[in-house]
């Protein structure tokens, strides 16, 4: 947690949890596509994985406390979740 220029900043790291996995078949190509052979369209099997980002109890308490503090002091709260940022964005953020 840091306060600069009228902003209160909190950095957290959530845990990525698999919520659901869905399998389906797709034939989303046309007959003149490169994946079609001799006029036949081939179907492909695809999988969609849905994730959720959750905080543990200690992080939830810290977030609520910082929210209350920011509203009492009239500061803008900026919450950053490191788990949702890519490695490149984290490196660039440290450099600036």
N, C-alpha and C. Protein backbone atom coordinates (compact mmCIF):
# COMPACT_ATOMS: atom_id res chain seq x y z
N UNK A 1 0.85 -1.17 0.00
CA UNK A 1 0.00 0.00 0.00
C UNK A 1 0.89 1.23 0.00
N UNK A 2 0.58 2.19 -0.86
CA UNK A 2 1.33 3.43 -0.94
C UNK A 2 0.39 4.56 -1.31
N UNK A 3 0.69 5.77 -0.81
CA UNK A 3 -0.13 6.93 -1.11
C UNK A 3 0.73 7.98 -1.80
N UNK A 4 0.36 8.34 -3.02
CA UNK A 4 1.07 9.38 -3.76
C UNK A 4 0.08 10.17 -4.60
N UNK A 5 0.25 11.49 -4.64
CA UNK A 5 -0.53 12.38 -5.51
C UNK A 5 -2.04 12.20 -5.36
N UNK A 6 -2.51 12.04 -4.15
CA UNK A 6 -3.94 11.91 -3.92
C UNK A 6 -4.51 10.55 -4.28
N UNK A 7 -3.63 9.57 -4.53
CA UNK A 7 -4.09 8.21 -4.84
C UNK A 7 -3.57 7.25 -3.78
N UNK A 8 -4.41 6.36 -3.38
CA UNK A 8 -4.03 5.28 -2.48
C UNK A 8 -3.92 4.02 -3.32
N UNK A 9 -2.76 3.39 -3.27
CA UNK A 9 -2.49 2.26 -4.16
C UNK A 9 -2.29 0.99 -3.37
N UNK A 10 -2.99 -0.07 -3.76
CA UNK A 10 -2.90 -1.37 -3.13
C UNK A 10 -2.56 -2.40 -4.19
N UNK A 11 -1.53 -3.21 -3.91
CA UNK A 11 -1.09 -4.23 -4.85
C UNK A 11 -1.39 -5.59 -4.22
N UNK A 12 -2.16 -6.41 -4.93
CA UNK A 12 -2.55 -7.75 -4.46
C UNK A 12 -2.16 -8.79 -5.50
N UNK A 13 -2.12 -10.03 -5.07
CA UNK A 13 -1.91 -11.15 -5.99
C UNK A 13 -2.99 -12.19 -5.69
N UNK A 14 -3.93 -12.32 -6.64
CA UNK A 14 -5.02 -13.28 -6.46
C UNK A 14 -4.60 -14.65 -6.95
N UNK A 15 -5.45 -15.62 -6.64
CA UNK A 15 -5.20 -17.00 -7.07
C UNK A 15 -6.16 -17.33 -8.20
N UNK A 16 -5.63 -17.89 -9.27
CA UNK A 16 -6.45 -18.25 -10.43
C UNK A 16 -7.02 -19.65 -10.22
N UNK A 17 -8.34 -19.75 -10.28
CA UNK A 17 -9.03 -21.01 -10.00
C UNK A 17 -9.86 -21.39 -11.23
N UNK A 18 -9.76 -22.65 -11.65
CA UNK A 18 -10.55 -23.15 -12.77
C UNK A 18 -12.00 -23.33 -12.31
N UNK A 19 -12.91 -22.68 -13.03
CA UNK A 19 -14.33 -22.75 -12.67
C UNK A 19 -15.05 -23.82 -13.47
N UNK A 20 -14.81 -23.81 -14.80
CA UNK A 20 -15.56 -24.72 -15.65
C UNK A 20 -14.79 -24.98 -16.93
N UNK A 21 -14.96 -26.17 -17.50
CA UNK A 21 -14.38 -26.54 -18.78
C UNK A 21 -15.49 -27.01 -19.70
N UNK A 22 -15.55 -26.45 -20.89
CA UNK A 22 -16.57 -26.82 -21.87
C UNK A 22 -15.89 -27.33 -23.13
N UNK A 23 -16.34 -28.48 -23.63
CA UNK A 23 -15.85 -29.03 -24.89
C UNK A 23 -16.96 -28.91 -25.93
N UNK A 24 -16.59 -28.55 -27.15
CA UNK A 24 -17.56 -28.47 -28.23
C UNK A 24 -16.86 -28.71 -29.56
N UNK A 25 -17.65 -29.06 -30.55
CA UNK A 25 -17.12 -29.26 -31.89
C UNK A 25 -17.49 -28.06 -32.74
N UNK A 26 -16.57 -27.68 -33.59
CA UNK A 26 -16.77 -26.50 -34.42
C UNK A 26 -16.43 -26.81 -35.86
N UNK A 27 -17.25 -26.34 -36.76
CA UNK A 27 -16.93 -26.41 -38.18
C UNK A 27 -17.12 -25.02 -38.76
N UNK A 28 -16.45 -24.07 -38.17
CA UNK A 28 -16.61 -22.68 -38.54
C UNK A 28 -15.83 -22.27 -39.77
N UNK A 29 -15.54 -23.20 -40.67
CA UNK A 29 -14.81 -22.86 -41.89
C UNK A 29 -15.73 -23.06 -43.08
N UNK A 30 -15.48 -22.33 -44.13
CA UNK A 30 -16.29 -22.46 -45.34
C UNK A 30 -15.68 -23.51 -46.26
N UNK A 31 -16.42 -23.89 -47.26
CA UNK A 31 -15.94 -24.96 -48.15
C UNK A 31 -14.77 -24.50 -49.02
N UNK A 32 -14.55 -23.22 -49.17
CA UNK A 32 -13.42 -22.76 -49.96
C UNK A 32 -12.22 -22.37 -49.09
N UNK A 33 -12.24 -22.77 -47.85
CA UNK A 33 -11.16 -22.47 -46.93
C UNK A 33 -9.99 -23.44 -47.12
N UNK A 34 -8.85 -23.09 -46.59
CA UNK A 34 -7.67 -23.96 -46.69
C UNK A 34 -7.83 -25.25 -45.88
N UNK A 35 -8.69 -25.23 -44.87
CA UNK A 35 -8.88 -26.43 -44.07
C UNK A 35 -9.85 -27.41 -44.72
N UNK A 36 -10.48 -27.00 -45.80
CA UNK A 36 -11.38 -27.91 -46.52
C UNK A 36 -10.57 -28.65 -47.58
N UNK A 37 -10.87 -29.91 -47.76
CA UNK A 37 -10.15 -30.74 -48.73
C UNK A 37 -11.18 -31.41 -49.62
N UNK A 38 -11.09 -31.14 -50.87
CA UNK A 38 -11.96 -31.77 -51.85
C UNK A 38 -13.44 -31.49 -51.58
N UNK A 39 -13.74 -30.28 -51.11
CA UNK A 39 -15.12 -29.90 -50.88
C UNK A 39 -15.67 -30.32 -49.53
N UNK A 40 -14.93 -31.06 -48.73
CA UNK A 40 -15.39 -31.49 -47.41
C UNK A 40 -14.86 -30.53 -46.35
N UNK A 41 -15.71 -30.18 -45.44
CA UNK A 41 -15.31 -29.31 -44.35
C UNK A 41 -15.06 -30.17 -43.13
N UNK A 42 -13.88 -30.02 -42.53
CA UNK A 42 -13.52 -30.81 -41.37
C UNK A 42 -13.90 -30.06 -40.09
N UNK A 43 -14.48 -30.77 -39.17
CA UNK A 43 -14.82 -30.15 -37.89
C UNK A 43 -13.66 -30.34 -36.92
N UNK A 44 -13.56 -29.42 -36.02
CA UNK A 44 -12.49 -29.48 -35.02
C UNK A 44 -13.11 -29.48 -33.64
N UNK A 45 -12.43 -30.12 -32.72
CA UNK A 45 -12.87 -30.11 -31.33
C UNK A 45 -12.14 -28.99 -30.61
N UNK A 46 -12.89 -28.24 -29.87
CA UNK A 46 -12.32 -27.11 -29.14
C UNK A 46 -12.71 -27.20 -27.67
N UNK A 47 -11.89 -26.56 -26.85
CA UNK A 47 -12.15 -26.55 -25.41
C UNK A 47 -12.05 -25.12 -24.90
N UNK A 48 -13.01 -24.74 -24.10
CA UNK A 48 -13.00 -23.43 -23.46
C UNK A 48 -12.86 -23.66 -21.97
N UNK A 49 -11.87 -22.97 -21.38
CA UNK A 49 -11.65 -23.08 -19.94
C UNK A 49 -11.94 -21.72 -19.32
N UNK A 50 -12.81 -21.71 -18.30
CA UNK A 50 -13.22 -20.48 -17.64
C UNK A 50 -12.54 -20.42 -16.28
N UNK A 51 -11.82 -19.32 -16.03
CA UNK A 51 -11.11 -19.13 -14.78
C UNK A 51 -11.71 -17.98 -13.99
N UNK A 52 -11.52 -18.02 -12.69
CA UNK A 52 -11.92 -16.94 -11.82
C UNK A 52 -10.73 -16.58 -10.94
N UNK A 53 -10.62 -15.33 -10.57
CA UNK A 53 -9.54 -14.87 -9.71
C UNK A 53 -10.11 -14.59 -8.32
N UNK A 54 -9.60 -15.26 -7.30
CA UNK A 54 -10.13 -15.12 -5.94
C UNK A 54 -9.03 -14.66 -5.00
N UNK A 55 -9.44 -13.95 -3.95
CA UNK A 55 -8.54 -13.49 -2.90
C UNK A 55 -8.74 -14.34 -1.66
N UNK A 56 -7.70 -14.50 -0.87
CA UNK A 56 -7.86 -15.20 0.39
C UNK A 56 -8.45 -14.23 1.42
N UNK A 57 -8.75 -14.71 2.60
CA UNK A 57 -9.44 -13.91 3.61
C UNK A 57 -8.61 -12.70 4.05
N UNK A 58 -7.32 -12.87 4.18
CA UNK A 58 -6.46 -11.78 4.61
C UNK A 58 -6.44 -10.65 3.57
N UNK A 59 -6.42 -11.03 2.30
CA UNK A 59 -6.44 -10.02 1.24
C UNK A 59 -7.79 -9.31 1.18
N UNK A 60 -8.88 -10.05 1.40
CA UNK A 60 -10.21 -9.42 1.42
C UNK A 60 -10.33 -8.40 2.53
N UNK A 61 -9.80 -8.74 3.72
CA UNK A 61 -9.85 -7.81 4.85
C UNK A 61 -9.01 -6.57 4.56
N UNK A 62 -7.83 -6.75 3.96
CA UNK A 62 -6.98 -5.62 3.62
C UNK A 62 -7.66 -4.71 2.61
N UNK A 63 -8.32 -5.30 1.61
CA UNK A 63 -9.01 -4.52 0.59
C UNK A 63 -10.15 -3.71 1.19
N UNK A 64 -10.93 -4.31 2.07
CA UNK A 64 -12.02 -3.59 2.72
C UNK A 64 -11.50 -2.46 3.59
N UNK A 65 -10.41 -2.72 4.32
CA UNK A 65 -9.82 -1.68 5.17
C UNK A 65 -9.29 -0.51 4.37
N UNK A 66 -8.65 -0.80 3.27
CA UNK A 66 -8.11 0.27 2.42
C UNK A 66 -9.23 1.04 1.75
N UNK A 67 -10.32 0.37 1.37
CA UNK A 67 -11.48 1.07 0.79
C UNK A 67 -12.06 2.07 1.79
N UNK A 68 -12.22 1.63 3.03
CA UNK A 68 -12.76 2.52 4.06
C UNK A 68 -11.83 3.70 4.29
N UNK A 69 -10.52 3.44 4.36
CA UNK A 69 -9.55 4.50 4.56
C UNK A 69 -9.56 5.50 3.42
N UNK A 70 -9.67 5.02 2.19
CA UNK A 70 -9.69 5.92 1.03
C UNK A 70 -10.93 6.79 1.03
N UNK A 71 -12.08 6.24 1.39
CA UNK A 71 -13.30 7.06 1.42
C UNK A 71 -13.25 8.08 2.55
N UNK A 72 -12.68 7.72 3.71
CA UNK A 72 -12.59 8.66 4.83
C UNK A 72 -11.65 9.81 4.51
N UNK A 73 -10.55 9.51 3.82
CA UNK A 73 -9.55 10.54 3.52
C UNK A 73 -9.83 11.26 2.22
N UNK A 74 -10.79 10.79 1.44
CA UNK A 74 -11.13 11.43 0.17
C UNK A 74 -10.09 11.16 -0.92
N UNK A 75 -9.43 10.02 -0.86
CA UNK A 75 -8.42 9.66 -1.85
C UNK A 75 -9.00 8.72 -2.88
N UNK A 76 -8.37 8.67 -4.03
CA UNK A 76 -8.75 7.74 -5.08
C UNK A 76 -8.01 6.43 -4.82
N UNK A 77 -8.74 5.32 -4.86
CA UNK A 77 -8.15 4.00 -4.60
C UNK A 77 -7.81 3.34 -5.92
N UNK A 78 -6.57 2.88 -6.06
CA UNK A 78 -6.12 2.15 -7.24
C UNK A 78 -5.66 0.77 -6.79
N UNK A 79 -6.38 -0.26 -7.20
CA UNK A 79 -6.05 -1.63 -6.83
C UNK A 79 -5.43 -2.33 -8.04
N UNK A 80 -4.26 -2.93 -7.84
CA UNK A 80 -3.56 -3.63 -8.90
C UNK A 80 -3.47 -5.10 -8.53
N UNK A 81 -3.94 -5.97 -9.42
CA UNK A 81 -3.84 -7.41 -9.21
C UNK A 81 -2.71 -7.93 -10.10
N UNK A 82 -1.63 -8.39 -9.48
CA UNK A 82 -0.48 -8.85 -10.24
C UNK A 82 -0.74 -10.13 -11.01
N UNK A 83 -1.69 -10.93 -10.58
CA UNK A 83 -1.99 -12.19 -11.26
C UNK A 83 -2.63 -11.95 -12.62
N UNK A 84 -3.30 -10.84 -12.79
CA UNK A 84 -3.97 -10.56 -14.06
C UNK A 84 -3.07 -9.83 -15.05
N UNK A 85 -1.91 -9.40 -14.63
CA UNK A 85 -1.00 -8.71 -15.53
C UNK A 85 -0.02 -9.69 -16.14
N UNK A 86 0.36 -9.42 -17.36
CA UNK A 86 1.36 -10.27 -18.02
C UNK A 86 2.74 -9.95 -17.47
N UNK A 87 3.68 -10.85 -17.69
CA UNK A 87 5.04 -10.66 -17.20
C UNK A 87 5.68 -9.43 -17.82
N UNK A 88 5.41 -9.17 -19.09
CA UNK A 88 5.98 -8.00 -19.76
C UNK A 88 5.47 -6.71 -19.15
N UNK A 89 4.18 -6.63 -18.85
CA UNK A 89 3.63 -5.43 -18.23
C UNK A 89 4.21 -5.20 -16.84
N UNK A 90 4.45 -6.29 -16.09
CA UNK A 90 5.05 -6.14 -14.75
C UNK A 90 6.47 -5.61 -14.87
N UNK A 91 7.25 -6.11 -15.83
CA UNK A 91 8.62 -5.65 -16.01
C UNK A 91 8.64 -4.19 -16.43
N UNK A 92 7.76 -3.81 -17.35
CA UNK A 92 7.71 -2.42 -17.79
C UNK A 92 7.27 -1.50 -16.67
N UNK A 93 6.37 -1.95 -15.83
CA UNK A 93 5.90 -1.15 -14.70
C UNK A 93 7.02 -0.92 -13.69
N UNK A 94 7.86 -1.93 -13.47
CA UNK A 94 8.97 -1.77 -12.54
C UNK A 94 10.01 -0.80 -13.11
N UNK A 95 10.16 -0.77 -14.42
CA UNK A 95 11.14 0.09 -15.05
C UNK A 95 10.76 1.55 -15.06
N UNK A 96 9.45 1.86 -14.93
CA UNK A 96 9.03 3.26 -14.97
C UNK A 96 8.72 3.79 -13.61
